Amino acid sequence: MEQHDIVLMSSALCSLNSLPQKNQSSEYKTIIESIKKYLNENCEHCVIEDDVDTGPETSNKIFYCEICYLTFPPSNIKSK
C-alpha cells in the first residue's frame, strides 16, 4: 500500500538534494536531515540489494529502500 506522505517526503528530499552541498546553509541541511529521519522512522521499508559500477570491472554493493530511496549501510541489513 502506497504511503502518500512518504512519496511526498521522498520527492521533497530529492528536490532539496539537487542544490549543491556547498550552497546549502546549516538550516537547509537541518531540513534535509529532518526529512531523512521522518522517512527512516515512518516508511515501511522494502530494502533492495544492488550493485553500482565503480569502474570497468568493479562495483560496490548498495542497499536502498524501493519506496523512499533511503540508502542503508550493509551493517544495518539483517541476513535472511
PDB file of N, CA and C in Angstrom:
ATOM      1  N   MET A   1       0.842  -1.180   0.000  1.00  0.00           N
ATOM      2  CA  MET A   1       0.000   0.000   0.000  1.00  0.00           C
ATOM      3  C   MET A   1       0.890   1.246   0.000  1.00  0.00           C
ATOM      4  N   GLU A   2       0.614   2.149  -0.886  1.00  0.00           N
ATOM      5  CA  GLU A   2       1.429   3.352  -1.019  1.00  0.00           C
ATOM      6  C   GLU A   2       1.147   4.319   0.128  1.00  0.00           C
ATOM      7  N   GLN A   3       2.201   4.814   0.732  1.00  0.00           N
ATOM      8  CA  GLN A   3       2.097   5.816   1.777  1.00  0.00           C
ATOM      9  C   GLN A   3       2.303   7.175   1.118  1.00  0.00           C
ATOM     10  N   HIS A   4       1.207   7.919   0.956  1.00  0.00           N
ATOM     11  CA  HIS A   4       1.271   9.183   0.225  1.00  0.00           C
ATOM     12  C   HIS A   4       2.265  10.158   0.864  1.00  0.00           C
ATOM     13  N   ASP A   5       2.301  10.205   2.200  1.00  0.00           N
ATOM     14  CA  ASP A   5       3.233  11.114   2.874  1.00  0.00           C
ATOM     15  C   ASP A   5       4.679  10.750   2.569  1.00  0.00           C
ATOM     16  N   ILE A   6       4.968   9.464   2.478  1.00  0.00           N
ATOM     17  CA  ILE A   6       6.332   9.012   2.196  1.00  0.00           C
ATOM     18  C   ILE A   6       6.734   9.402   0.779  1.00  0.00           C
ATOM     19  N   VAL A   7       5.826   9.238  -0.163  1.00  0.00           N
ATOM     20  CA  VAL A   7       6.103   9.615  -1.551  1.00  0.00           C
ATOM     21  C   VAL A   7       6.416  11.110  -1.638  1.00  0.00           C
ATOM     22  N   LEU A   8       5.608  11.928  -0.958  1.00  0.00           N
ATOM     23  CA  LEU A   8       5.825  13.380  -0.987  1.00  0.00           C
ATOM     24  C   LEU A   8       7.135  13.774  -0.310  1.00  0.00           C
ATOM     25  N   MET A   9       7.429  13.167   0.837  1.00  0.00           N
ATOM     26  CA  MET A   9       8.671  13.485   1.546  1.00  0.00           C
ATOM     27  C   MET A   9       9.886  13.049   0.735  1.00  0.00           C
ATOM     28  N   SER A  10       9.803  11.889   0.109  1.00  0.00           N
ATOM     29  CA  SER A  10      10.904  11.403  -0.715  1.00  0.00           C
ATOM     30  C   SER A  10      11.142  12.331  -1.899  1.00  0.00           C
ATOM     31  N   SER A  11      10.071  12.797  -2.494  1.00  0.00           N
ATOM     32  CA  SER A  11      10.174  13.740  -3.610  1.00  0.00           C
ATOM     33  C   SER A  11      10.787  15.062  -3.151  1.00  0.00           C
ATOM     34  N   ALA A  12      10.365  15.536  -1.982  1.00  0.00           N
ATOM     35  CA  ALA A  12      10.922  16.775  -1.431  1.00  0.00           C
ATOM     36  C   ALA A  12      12.417  16.616  -1.167  1.00  0.00           C
ATOM     37  N   LEU A  13      12.807  15.459  -0.615  1.00  0.00           N
ATOM     38  CA  LEU A  13      14.219  15.205  -0.341  1.00  0.00           C
ATOM     39  C   LEU A  13      15.033  15.211  -1.625  1.00  0.00           C
ATOM     40  N   CYS A  14      14.516  14.597  -2.650  1.00  0.00           N
ATOM     41  CA  CYS A  14      15.194  14.571  -3.945  1.00  0.00           C
ATOM     42  C   CYS A  14      15.387  15.992  -4.468  1.00  0.00           C
ATOM     43  N   SER A  15      14.357  16.806  -4.373  1.00  0.00           N
ATOM     44  CA  SER A  15      14.453  18.197  -4.832  1.00  0.00           C
ATOM     45  C   SER A  15      15.474  18.978  -4.016  1.00  0.00           C
ATOM     46  N   LEU A  16      15.423  18.829  -2.700  1.00  0.00           N
ATOM     47  CA  LEU A  16      16.353  19.559  -1.836  1.00  0.00           C
ATOM     48  C   LEU A  16      17.797  19.138  -2.079  1.00  0.00           C
ATOM     49  N   ASN A  17      18.007  17.855  -2.344  1.00  0.00           N
ATOM     50  CA  ASN A  17      19.365  17.358  -2.586  1.00  0.00           C
ATOM     51  C   ASN A  17      19.939  17.820  -3.919  1.00  0.00           C
ATOM     52  N   SER A  18      19.121  18.424  -4.768  1.00  0.00           N
ATOM     53  CA  SER A  18      19.628  18.901  -6.057  1.00  0.00           C
ATOM     54  C   SER A  18      20.454  20.182  -5.918  1.00  0.00           C
ATOM     55  N   LEU A  19      20.325  20.864  -4.784  1.00  0.00           N
ATOM     56  CA  LEU A  19      21.164  22.039  -4.534  1.00  0.00           C
ATOM     57  C   LEU A  19      22.542  21.552  -4.090  1.00  0.00           C
ATOM     58  N   PRO A  20      23.621  22.000  -4.735  1.00  0.00           N
ATOM     59  CA  PRO A  20      24.963  21.555  -4.334  1.00  0.00           C
ATOM     60  C   PRO A  20      25.211  21.801  -2.841  1.00  0.00           C
ATOM     61  N   GLN A  21      25.893  20.853  -2.197  1.00  0.00           N
ATOM     62  CA  GLN A  21      26.141  20.948  -0.756  1.00  0.00           C
ATOM     63  C   GLN A  21      26.842  22.240  -0.368  1.00  0.00           C
ATOM     64  N   LYS A  22      27.730  22.727  -1.223  1.00  0.00           N
ATOM     65  CA  LYS A  22      28.459  23.954  -0.889  1.00  0.00           C
ATOM     66  C   LYS A  22      27.523  25.161  -0.799  1.00  0.00           C
ATOM     67  N   ASN A  23      26.332  25.053  -1.384  1.00  0.00           N
ATOM     68  CA  ASN A  23      25.353  26.144  -1.354  1.00  0.00           C
ATOM     69  C   ASN A  23      24.279  25.947  -0.287  1.00  0.00           C
ATOM     70  N   GLN A  24      24.370  24.869   0.482  1.00  0.00           N
ATOM     71  CA  GLN A  24      23.361  24.575   1.496  1.00  0.00           C
ATOM     72  C   GLN A  24      23.741  25.207   2.831  1.00  0.00           C
ATOM     73  N   SER A  25      22.838  26.002   3.369  1.00  0.00           N
ATOM     74  CA  SER A  25      23.061  26.604   4.686  1.00  0.00           C
ATOM     75  C   SER A  25      22.856  25.539   5.761  1.00  0.00           C
ATOM     76  N   SER A  26      23.221  25.843   6.988  1.00  0.00           N
ATOM     77  CA  SER A  26      23.034  24.883   8.076  1.00  0.00           C
ATOM     78  C   SER A  26      21.547  24.606   8.302  1.00  0.00           C
ATOM     79  N   GLU A  27      20.708  25.618   8.140  1.00  0.00           N
ATOM     80  CA  GLU A  27      19.264  25.418   8.287  1.00  0.00           C
ATOM     81  C   GLU A  27      18.731  24.487   7.193  1.00  0.00           C
ATOM     82  N   TYR A  28      19.239  24.664   5.992  1.00  0.00           N
ATOM     83  CA  TYR A  28      18.851  23.836   4.846  1.00  0.00           C
ATOM     84  C   TYR A  28      19.222  22.381   5.128  1.00  0.00           C
ATOM     85  N   LYS A  29      20.447  22.160   5.631  1.00  0.00           N
ATOM     86  CA  LYS A  29      20.901  20.805   5.951  1.00  0.00           C
ATOM     87  C   LYS A  29      20.067  20.190   7.067  1.00  0.00           C
ATOM     88  N   THR A  30      19.623  21.021   8.014  1.00  0.00           N
ATOM     89  CA  THR A  30      18.772  20.534   9.100  1.00  0.00           C
ATOM     90  C   THR A  30      17.444  20.030   8.555  1.00  0.00           C
ATOM     91  N   ILE A  31      16.887  20.737   7.590  1.00  0.00           N
ATOM     92  CA  ILE A  31      15.634  20.304   6.960  1.00  0.00           C
ATOM     93  C   ILE A  31      15.835  18.961   6.265  1.00  0.00           C
ATOM     94  N   ILE A  32      16.932  18.813   5.542  1.00  0.00           N
ATOM     95  CA  ILE A  32      17.233  17.547   4.862  1.00  0.00           C
ATOM     96  C   ILE A  32      17.331  16.410   5.877  1.00  0.00           C
ATOM     97  N   GLU A  33      18.048  16.644   6.969  1.00  0.00           N
ATOM     98  CA  GLU A  33      18.193  15.607   7.997  1.00  0.00           C
ATOM     99  C   GLU A  33      16.854  15.279   8.644  1.00  0.00           C
ATOM    100  N   SER A  34      16.001  16.274   8.828  1.00  0.00           N
ATOM    101  CA  SER A  34      14.668  16.035   9.403  1.00  0.00           C
ATOM    102  C   SER A  34      13.823  15.157   8.485  1.00  0.00           C
ATOM    103  N   ILE A  35      13.903  15.409   7.195  1.00  0.00           N
ATOM    104  CA  ILE A  35      13.153  14.586   6.236  1.00  0.00           C
ATOM    105  C   ILE A  35      13.692  13.158   6.232  1.00  0.00           C
ATOM    106  N   LYS A  36      15.015  13.000   6.265  1.00  0.00           N
ATOM    107  CA  LYS A  36      15.603  11.654   6.312  1.00  0.00           C
ATOM    108  C   LYS A  36      15.133  10.907   7.559  1.00  0.00           C
ATOM    109  N   LYS A  37      15.103  11.609   8.687  1.00  0.00           N
ATOM    110  CA  LYS A  37      14.654  10.993   9.939  1.00  0.00           C
ATOM    111  C   LYS A  37      13.191  10.569   9.816  1.00  0.00           C
ATOM    112  N   TYR A  38      12.359  11.442   9.261  1.00  0.00           N
ATOM    113  CA  TYR A  38      10.942  11.126   9.067  1.00  0.00           C
ATOM    114  C   TYR A  38      10.787   9.875   8.202  1.00  0.00           C
ATOM    115  N   LEU A  39      11.506   9.844   7.087  1.00  0.00           N
ATOM    116  CA  LEU A  39      11.425   8.691   6.192  1.00  0.00           C
ATOM    117  C   LEU A  39      11.914   7.422   6.882  1.00  0.00           C
ATOM    118  N   ASN A  40      13.009   7.532   7.601  1.00  0.00           N
ATOM    119  CA  ASN A  40      13.575   6.370   8.278  1.00  0.00           C
ATOM    120  C   ASN A  40      12.605   5.795   9.307  1.00  0.00           C
ATOM    121  N   GLU A  41      11.897   6.680  10.004  1.00  0.00           N
ATOM    122  CA  GLU A  41      11.008   6.237  11.077  1.00  0.00           C
ATOM    123  C   GLU A  41       9.602   5.873  10.605  1.00  0.00           C
ATOM    124  N   ASN A  42       9.171   6.377   9.461  1.00  0.00           N
ATOM    125  CA  ASN A  42       7.780   6.197   9.055  1.00  0.00           C
ATOM    126  C   ASN A  42       7.554   5.356   7.803  1.00  0.00           C
ATOM    127  N   CYS A  43       8.574   5.140   7.025  1.00  0.00           N
ATOM    128  CA  CYS A  43       8.426   4.327   5.815  1.00  0.00           C
ATOM    129  C   CYS A  43       8.419   2.841   6.185  1.00  0.00           C
ATOM    130  N   GLU A  44       7.591   2.084   5.502  1.00  0.00           N
ATOM    131  CA  GLU A  44       7.604   0.625   5.643  1.00  0.00           C
ATOM    132  C   GLU A  44       8.607   0.106   4.619  1.00  0.00           C
ATOM    133  N   HIS A  45       9.888   0.209   4.964  1.00  0.00           N
ATOM    134  CA  HIS A  45      10.985  -0.041   4.036  1.00  0.00           C
ATOM    135  C   HIS A  45      10.906  -1.404   3.350  1.00  0.00           C
ATOM    136  N   CYS A  46      11.222  -1.377   2.086  1.00  0.00           N
ATOM    137  CA  CYS A  46      11.380  -2.590   1.281  1.00  0.00           C
ATOM    138  C   CYS A  46      12.788  -2.483   0.682  1.00  0.00           C
ATOM    139  N   VAL A  47      13.745  -3.089   1.372  1.00  0.00           N
ATOM    140  CA  VAL A  47      15.155  -2.904   1.027  1.00  0.00           C
ATOM    141  C   VAL A  47      15.557  -3.797  -0.137  1.00  0.00           C
ATOM    142  N   ILE A  48      16.219  -3.165  -1.093  1.00  0.00           N
ATOM    143  CA  ILE A  48      16.718  -3.821  -2.300  1.00  0.00           C
ATOM    144  C   ILE A  48      18.243  -3.833  -2.248  1.00  0.00           C
ATOM    145  N   GLU A  49      18.829  -4.942  -2.671  1.00  0.00           N
ATOM    146  CA  GLU A  49      20.287  -5.044  -2.798  1.00  0.00           C
ATOM    147  C   GLU A  49      20.634  -4.827  -4.264  1.00  0.00           C
ATOM    148  N   ASP A  50      21.630  -3.981  -4.514  1.00  0.00           N
ATOM    149  CA  ASP A  50      22.009  -3.678  -5.893  1.00  0.00           C
ATOM    150  C   ASP A  50      23.518  -3.487  -5.962  1.00  0.00           C
ATOM    151  N   ASP A  51      24.052  -3.553  -7.154  1.00  0.00           N
ATOM    152  CA  ASP A  51      25.468  -3.292  -7.388  1.00  0.00           C
ATOM    153  C   ASP A  51      25.596  -2.041  -8.239  1.00  0.00           C
ATOM    154  N   VAL A  52      26.495  -1.150  -7.813  1.00  0.00           N
ATOM    155  CA  VAL A  52      26.759   0.084  -8.553  1.00  0.00           C
ATOM    156  C   VAL A  52      28.157  -0.015  -9.133  1.00  0.00           C
ATOM    157  N   ASP A  53      28.268   0.158 -10.434  1.00  0.00           N
ATOM    158  CA  ASP A  53      29.575   0.101 -11.085  1.00  0.00           C
ATOM    159  C   ASP A  53      30.453   1.259 -10.624  1.00  0.00           C
ATOM    160  N   THR A  54      31.686   0.923 -10.239  1.00  0.00           N
ATOM    161  CA  THR A  54      32.654   1.944  -9.834  1.00  0.00           C
ATOM    162  C   THR A  54      33.828   1.997 -10.802  1.00  0.00           C
ATOM    163  N   GLY A  55      33.835   1.112 -11.746  1.00  0.00           N
ATOM    164  CA  GLY A  55      34.888   1.054 -12.755  1.00  0.00           C
ATOM    165  C   GLY A  55      34.503   0.026 -13.795  1.00  0.00           C
ATOM    166  N   PRO A  56      35.361  -0.172 -14.788  1.00  0.00           N
ATOM    167  CA  PRO A  56      35.049  -1.125 -15.862  1.00  0.00           C
ATOM    168  C   PRO A  56      34.773  -2.542 -15.360  1.00  0.00           C
ATOM    169  N   GLU A  57      35.475  -2.944 -14.305  1.00  0.00           N
ATOM    170  CA  GLU A  57      35.288  -4.307 -13.808  1.00  0.00           C
ATOM    171  C   GLU A  57      35.092  -4.363 -12.305  1.00  0.00           C
ATOM    172  N   THR A  58      34.705  -3.241 -11.710  1.00  0.00           N
ATOM    173  CA  THR A  58      34.491  -3.211 -10.264  1.00  0.00           C
ATOM    174  C   THR A  58      33.122  -2.615  -9.953  1.00  0.00           C
ATOM    175  N   SER A  59      32.591  -3.024  -8.805  1.00  0.00           N
ATOM    176  CA  SER A  59      31.303  -2.490  -8.369  1.00  0.00           C
ATOM    177  C   SER A  59      31.236  -2.512  -6.845  1.00  0.00           C
ATOM    178  N   ASN A  60      30.308  -1.747  -6.308  1.00  0.00           N
ATOM    179  CA  ASN A  60      30.038  -1.726  -4.876  1.00  0.00           C
ATOM    180  C   ASN A  60      28.603  -2.159  -4.648  1.00  0.00           C
ATOM    181  N   LYS A  61      28.400  -2.937  -3.597  1.00  0.00           N
ATOM    182  CA  LYS A  61      27.059  -3.370  -3.232  1.00  0.00           C
ATOM    183  C   LYS A  61      26.404  -2.252  -2.425  1.00  0.00           C
ATOM    184  N   ILE A  62      25.159  -1.928  -2.768  1.00  0.00           N
ATOM    185  CA  ILE A  62      24.402  -0.934  -2.015  1.00  0.00           C
ATOM    186  C   ILE A  62      23.053  -1.531  -1.624  1.00  0.00           C
ATOM    187  N   PHE A  63      22.461  -0.947  -0.587  1.00  0.00           N
ATOM    188  CA  PHE A  63      21.139  -1.345  -0.125  1.00  0.00           C
ATOM    189  C   PHE A  63      20.291  -0.084  -0.034  1.00  0.00           C
ATOM    190  N   TYR A  64      19.110  -0.128  -0.644  1.00  0.00           N
ATOM    191  CA  TYR A  64      18.236   1.038  -0.595  1.00  0.00           C
ATOM    192  C   TYR A  64      16.774   0.599  -0.536  1.00  0.00           C
ATOM    193  N   CYS A  65      15.943   1.492  -0.046  1.00  0.00           N
ATOM    194  CA  CYS A  65      14.510   1.228   0.028  1.00  0.00           C
ATOM    195  C   CYS A  65      13.873   1.606  -1.297  1.00  0.00           C
ATOM    196  N   GLU A  66      13.115   0.692  -1.880  1.00  0.00           N
ATOM    197  CA  GLU A  66      12.481   0.985  -3.165  1.00  0.00           C
ATOM    198  C   GLU A  66      11.261   1.895  -3.017  1.00  0.00           C
ATOM    199  N   ILE A  67      10.879   2.209  -1.786  1.00  0.00           N
ATOM    200  CA  ILE A  67       9.746   3.101  -1.548  1.00  0.00           C
ATOM    201  C   ILE A  67      10.217   4.539  -1.356  1.00  0.00           C
ATOM    202  N   CYS A  68      11.145   4.748  -0.405  1.00  0.00           N
ATOM    203  CA  CYS A  68      11.585   6.113  -0.078  1.00  0.00           C
ATOM    204  C   CYS A  68      12.973   6.440  -0.624  1.00  0.00           C
ATOM    205  N   TYR A  69      13.678   5.448  -1.107  1.00  0.00           N
ATOM    206  CA  TYR A  69      15.004   5.579  -1.724  1.00  0.00           C
ATOM    207  C   TYR A  69      16.126   5.934  -0.751  1.00  0.00           C
ATOM    208  N   LEU A  70      15.881   5.819   0.559  1.00  0.00           N
ATOM    209  CA  LEU A  70      16.986   5.984   1.501  1.00  0.00           C
ATOM    210  C   LEU A  70      17.954   4.826   1.303  1.00  0.00           C
ATOM    211  N   THR A  71      19.233   5.094   1.532  1.00  0.00           N
ATOM    212  CA  THR A  71      20.237   4.033   1.447  1.00  0.00           C
ATOM    213  C   THR A  71      20.618   3.598   2.854  1.00  0.00           C
ATOM    214  N   PHE A  72      21.076   2.361   2.960  1.00  0.00           N
ATOM    215  CA  PHE A  72      21.428   1.777   4.244  1.00  0.00           C
ATOM    216  C   PHE A  72      22.803   1.135   4.155  1.00  0.00           C
ATOM    217  N   PRO A  73      23.625   1.310   5.201  1.00  0.00           N
ATOM    218  CA  PRO A  73      24.924   0.626   5.201  1.00  0.00           C
ATOM    219  C   PRO A  73      24.715  -0.883   5.346  1.00  0.00           C
ATOM    220  N   PRO A  74      25.593  -1.673   4.755  1.00  0.00           N
ATOM    221  CA  PRO A  74      25.441  -3.138   4.839  1.00  0.00           C
ATOM    222  C   PRO A  74      25.337  -3.643   6.279  1.00  0.00           C
ATOM    223  N   SER A  75      25.969  -2.957   7.220  1.00  0.00           N
ATOM    224  CA  SER A  75      25.933  -3.396   8.615  1.00  0.00           C
ATOM    225  C   SER A  75      24.531  -3.299   9.218  1.00  0.00           C
ATOM    226  N   ASN A  76      23.643  -2.501   8.614  1.00  0.00           N
ATOM    227  CA  ASN A  76      22.277  -2.362   9.123  1.00  0.00           C
ATOM    228  C   ASN A  76      21.307  -3.352   8.495  1.00  0.00           C
ATOM    229  N   ILE A  77      21.781  -4.160   7.555  1.00  0.00           N
ATOM    230  CA  ILE A  77      20.918  -5.100   6.852  1.00  0.00           C
ATOM    231  C   ILE A  77      21.013  -6.461   7.529  1.00  0.00           C
ATOM    232  N   LYS A  78      19.854  -6.980   7.918  1.00  0.00           N
ATOM    233  CA  LYS A  78      19.817  -8.289   8.566  1.00  0.00           C
ATOM    234  C   LYS A  78      19.765  -9.375   7.502  1.00  0.00           C
ATOM    235  N   SER A  79      20.537 -10.424   7.707  1.00  0.00           N
ATOM    236  CA  SER A  79      20.531 -11.560   6.774  1.00  0.00           C
ATOM    237  C   SER A  79      19.211 -12.300   6.878  1.00  0.00           C
ATOM    238  N   LYS A  80      18.777 -12.824   5.740  1.00  0.00           N
ATOM    239  CA  LYS A  80      17.521 -13.589   5.722  1.00  0.00           C
ATOM    240  C   LYS A  80      17.772 -15.014   6.114  1.00  0.00           C
TER     241      LYS A  80
END
